[in-house]
Amino acid sequence: MNNNHRLLKRSIESLKMIQLEMHDDMDSSKRAELEQIILNLEQCGHNKSPTQLLDLLGKWIAIVPAVERLLKLFSEF
């Protein structure tokens, strides 16, 4: 398994954890959109270029209202 595939797998796992934690903070359309992004990454992530994967992750970042809070949390570690 190459580094990109490992990174993709860990990113998907992280998105799923964040999805669970933020379930109550997002409206149903945002939850559905996040679920679709996760599915896209799982189904065809290994066939996409790094740029396409970053685009999908960028879409996720755009829909999450608490991204700033999460980034601050991660930066504290």
N, C-alpha and C. Protein backbone atom coordinates (compact mmCIF):
# COMPACT_ATOMS: atom_id res chain seq x y z
N MET A 1 0.86 -1.18 0.00
CA MET A 1 0.00 0.00 0.00
C MET A 1 0.90 1.24 0.00
N ASN A 2 0.70 2.13 -0.97
CA ASN A 2 1.56 3.30 -1.04
C ASN A 2 1.10 4.37 -0.06
N ASN A 3 1.93 5.39 0.09
CA ASN A 3 1.65 6.45 1.06
C ASN A 3 0.36 7.20 0.75
N ASN A 4 0.09 7.45 -0.53
CA ASN A 4 -1.14 8.16 -0.90
C ASN A 4 -2.37 7.36 -0.51
N HIS A 5 -2.32 6.05 -0.70
CA HIS A 5 -3.46 5.21 -0.35
C HIS A 5 -3.67 5.18 1.16
N ARG A 6 -2.58 5.12 1.91
CA ARG A 6 -2.68 5.15 3.37
C ARG A 6 -3.26 6.48 3.86
N LEU A 7 -2.78 7.55 3.26
CA LEU A 7 -3.28 8.88 3.62
C LEU A 7 -4.76 9.01 3.30
N LEU A 8 -5.17 8.50 2.16
CA LEU A 8 -6.58 8.53 1.79
C LEU A 8 -7.41 7.74 2.78
N LYS A 9 -6.95 6.56 3.15
CA LYS A 9 -7.68 5.72 4.10
C LYS A 9 -7.82 6.42 5.45
N ARG A 10 -6.73 7.02 5.93
CA ARG A 10 -6.79 7.73 7.22
C ARG A 10 -7.70 8.96 7.13
N SER A 11 -7.67 9.63 5.99
CA SER A 11 -8.52 10.80 5.82
C SER A 11 -10.00 10.42 5.83
N ILE A 12 -10.33 9.32 5.18
CA ILE A 12 -11.72 8.84 5.18
C ILE A 12 -12.15 8.47 6.59
N GLU A 13 -11.28 7.79 7.32
CA GLU A 13 -11.60 7.43 8.71
C GLU A 13 -11.81 8.68 9.55
N SER A 14 -10.98 9.69 9.35
CA SER A 14 -11.12 10.95 10.11
C SER A 14 -12.43 11.65 9.75
N LEU A 15 -12.76 11.67 8.47
CA LEU A 15 -14.03 12.29 8.06
C LEU A 15 -15.22 11.58 8.69
N LYS A 16 -15.16 10.27 8.76
CA LYS A 16 -16.25 9.51 9.38
C LYS A 16 -16.36 9.83 10.87
N MET A 17 -15.23 9.97 11.54
CA MET A 17 -15.27 10.32 12.97
C MET A 17 -15.84 11.72 13.16
N ILE A 18 -15.40 12.64 12.35
CA ILE A 18 -15.91 14.01 12.44
C ILE A 18 -17.39 14.04 12.11
N GLN A 19 -17.79 13.25 11.13
CA GLN A 19 -19.21 13.17 10.77
C GLN A 19 -20.04 12.73 11.97
N LEU A 20 -19.57 11.74 12.69
CA LEU A 20 -20.30 11.27 13.87
C LEU A 20 -20.35 12.33 14.96
N GLU A 21 -19.21 12.98 15.18
CA GLU A 21 -19.13 13.98 16.25
C GLU A 21 -19.97 15.21 15.94
N MET A 22 -20.08 15.58 14.68
CA MET A 22 -20.78 16.80 14.31
C MET A 22 -22.20 16.55 13.81
N HIS A 23 -22.67 15.35 13.97
CA HIS A 23 -23.99 14.98 13.44
C HIS A 23 -25.08 15.96 13.86
N ASP A 24 -25.09 16.35 15.10
CA ASP A 24 -26.14 17.24 15.59
C ASP A 24 -25.91 18.70 15.21
N ASP A 25 -24.69 19.06 14.80
CA ASP A 25 -24.37 20.44 14.45
C ASP A 25 -24.62 20.78 12.99
N MET A 26 -24.93 19.78 12.17
CA MET A 26 -25.14 20.02 10.75
C MET A 26 -26.58 19.71 10.38
N ASP A 27 -27.10 20.48 9.41
CA ASP A 27 -28.45 20.18 8.96
C ASP A 27 -28.42 18.95 8.04
N SER A 28 -29.58 18.43 7.72
CA SER A 28 -29.65 17.16 6.99
C SER A 28 -29.04 17.25 5.59
N SER A 29 -29.15 18.39 4.93
CA SER A 29 -28.56 18.51 3.59
C SER A 29 -27.03 18.47 3.66
N LYS A 30 -26.46 19.09 4.69
CA LYS A 30 -25.01 19.06 4.85
C LYS A 30 -24.53 17.67 5.23
N ARG A 31 -25.30 16.97 6.07
CA ARG A 31 -24.94 15.59 6.41
C ARG A 31 -24.96 14.71 5.17
N ALA A 32 -25.97 14.89 4.32
CA ALA A 32 -26.08 14.10 3.09
C ALA A 32 -24.92 14.41 2.14
N GLU A 33 -24.56 15.68 2.07
CA GLU A 33 -23.46 16.07 1.20
C GLU A 33 -22.14 15.48 1.70
N LEU A 34 -21.92 15.52 2.99
CA LEU A 34 -20.72 14.94 3.57
C LEU A 34 -20.69 13.43 3.34
N GLU A 35 -21.82 12.78 3.51
CA GLU A 35 -21.90 11.34 3.26
C GLU A 35 -21.54 11.02 1.81
N GLN A 36 -22.01 11.85 0.88
CA GLN A 36 -21.70 11.63 -0.53
C GLN A 36 -20.21 11.82 -0.81
N ILE A 37 -19.61 12.81 -0.18
CA ILE A 37 -18.18 13.04 -0.35
C ILE A 37 -17.39 11.84 0.17
N ILE A 38 -17.77 11.33 1.33
CA ILE A 38 -17.09 10.16 1.89
C ILE A 38 -17.25 8.97 0.95
N LEU A 39 -18.46 8.76 0.44
CA LEU A 39 -18.69 7.65 -0.49
C LEU A 39 -17.84 7.80 -1.75
N ASN A 40 -17.76 9.02 -2.28
CA ASN A 40 -16.94 9.25 -3.47
C ASN A 40 -15.49 8.92 -3.20
N LEU A 41 -15.00 9.33 -2.05
CA LEU A 41 -13.61 9.03 -1.70
C LEU A 41 -13.39 7.53 -1.55
N GLU A 42 -14.33 6.84 -0.95
CA GLU A 42 -14.20 5.40 -0.74
C GLU A 42 -14.29 4.63 -2.06
N GLN A 43 -15.21 5.01 -2.92
CA GLN A 43 -15.47 4.25 -4.13
C GLN A 43 -14.44 4.47 -5.22
N CYS A 44 -14.00 5.68 -5.36
CA CYS A 44 -13.11 5.93 -6.50
C CYS A 44 -11.88 6.71 -6.10
N GLY A 45 -11.59 6.79 -4.83
CA GLY A 45 -10.45 7.55 -4.37
C GLY A 45 -9.13 7.07 -4.92
N HIS A 46 -8.96 5.78 -5.05
CA HIS A 46 -7.68 5.27 -5.55
C HIS A 46 -7.52 5.50 -7.05
N ASN A 47 -8.61 5.86 -7.75
CA ASN A 47 -8.53 6.13 -9.18
C ASN A 47 -8.43 7.62 -9.49
N LYS A 48 -8.45 8.44 -8.48
CA LYS A 48 -8.41 9.88 -8.68
C LYS A 48 -7.01 10.42 -8.45
N SER A 49 -6.73 11.52 -9.10
CA SER A 49 -5.44 12.18 -8.91
C SER A 49 -5.45 12.89 -7.56
N PRO A 50 -4.28 13.20 -7.04
CA PRO A 50 -4.23 13.95 -5.78
C PRO A 50 -5.00 15.26 -5.85
N THR A 51 -4.96 15.92 -6.99
CA THR A 51 -5.70 17.18 -7.14
C THR A 51 -7.20 16.97 -7.02
N GLN A 52 -7.70 15.90 -7.63
CA GLN A 52 -9.13 15.60 -7.54
C GLN A 52 -9.53 15.25 -6.11
N LEU A 53 -8.67 14.53 -5.40
CA LEU A 53 -8.95 14.19 -4.01
C LEU A 53 -8.98 15.44 -3.14
N LEU A 54 -8.04 16.34 -3.37
CA LEU A 54 -8.03 17.59 -2.61
C LEU A 54 -9.28 18.41 -2.90
N ASP A 55 -9.77 18.37 -4.12
CA ASP A 55 -11.00 19.06 -4.47
C ASP A 55 -12.18 18.50 -3.67
N LEU A 56 -12.25 17.18 -3.55
CA LEU A 56 -13.32 16.57 -2.76
C LEU A 56 -13.21 16.97 -1.29
N LEU A 57 -12.00 16.94 -0.76
CA LEU A 57 -11.81 17.34 0.63
C LEU A 57 -12.13 18.82 0.82
N GLY A 58 -11.82 19.64 -0.18
CA GLY A 58 -12.16 21.06 -0.12
C GLY A 58 -13.66 21.27 -0.05
N LYS A 59 -14.41 20.45 -0.76
CA LYS A 59 -15.87 20.54 -0.71
C LYS A 59 -16.36 20.22 0.70
N TRP A 60 -15.73 19.26 1.33
CA TRP A 60 -16.13 18.93 2.71
C TRP A 60 -15.86 20.11 3.62
N ILE A 61 -14.69 20.69 3.49
CA ILE A 61 -14.34 21.81 4.35
C ILE A 61 -15.33 22.95 4.20
N ALA A 62 -15.80 23.16 2.99
CA ALA A 62 -16.73 24.26 2.73
C ALA A 62 -18.09 24.05 3.40
N ILE A 63 -18.47 22.80 3.67
CA ILE A 63 -19.81 22.58 4.23
C ILE A 63 -19.83 22.48 5.74
N VAL A 64 -18.69 22.37 6.35
CA VAL A 64 -18.65 22.18 7.80
C VAL A 64 -18.54 23.54 8.49
N PRO A 65 -19.53 23.89 9.29
CA PRO A 65 -19.52 25.21 9.93
C PRO A 65 -18.48 25.36 11.03
N ALA A 66 -17.98 24.26 11.54
CA ALA A 66 -17.06 24.34 12.68
C ALA A 66 -15.62 24.03 12.29
N VAL A 67 -15.27 24.25 11.03
CA VAL A 67 -13.91 23.94 10.59
C VAL A 67 -12.88 24.75 11.37
N GLU A 68 -13.16 26.01 11.57
CA GLU A 68 -12.21 26.84 12.30
C GLU A 68 -11.97 26.29 13.70
N ARG A 69 -13.04 25.86 14.35
CA ARG A 69 -12.91 25.29 15.70
C ARG A 69 -12.07 24.02 15.66
N LEU A 70 -12.28 23.18 14.65
CA LEU A 70 -11.50 21.95 14.53
C LEU A 70 -10.03 22.24 14.26
N LEU A 71 -9.77 23.20 13.38
CA LEU A 71 -8.39 23.54 13.09
C LEU A 71 -7.68 24.06 14.32
N LYS A 72 -8.38 24.85 15.12
CA LYS A 72 -7.78 25.33 16.37
C LYS A 72 -7.49 24.17 17.31
N LEU A 73 -8.41 23.23 17.37
CA LEU A 73 -8.23 22.06 18.22
C LEU A 73 -7.00 21.27 17.79
N PHE A 74 -6.88 21.02 16.48
CA PHE A 74 -5.73 20.26 15.97
C PHE A 74 -4.42 21.02 16.20
N SER A 75 -4.46 22.32 16.09
CA SER A 75 -3.23 23.09 16.24
C SER A 75 -2.73 23.11 17.69
N GLU A 76 -3.60 22.79 18.64
CA GLU A 76 -3.21 22.76 20.04
C GLU A 76 -2.37 21.53 20.38
N PHE A 77 -2.41 20.53 19.52
CA PHE A 77 -1.66 19.30 19.81
C PHE A 77 -0.31 19.42 19.26
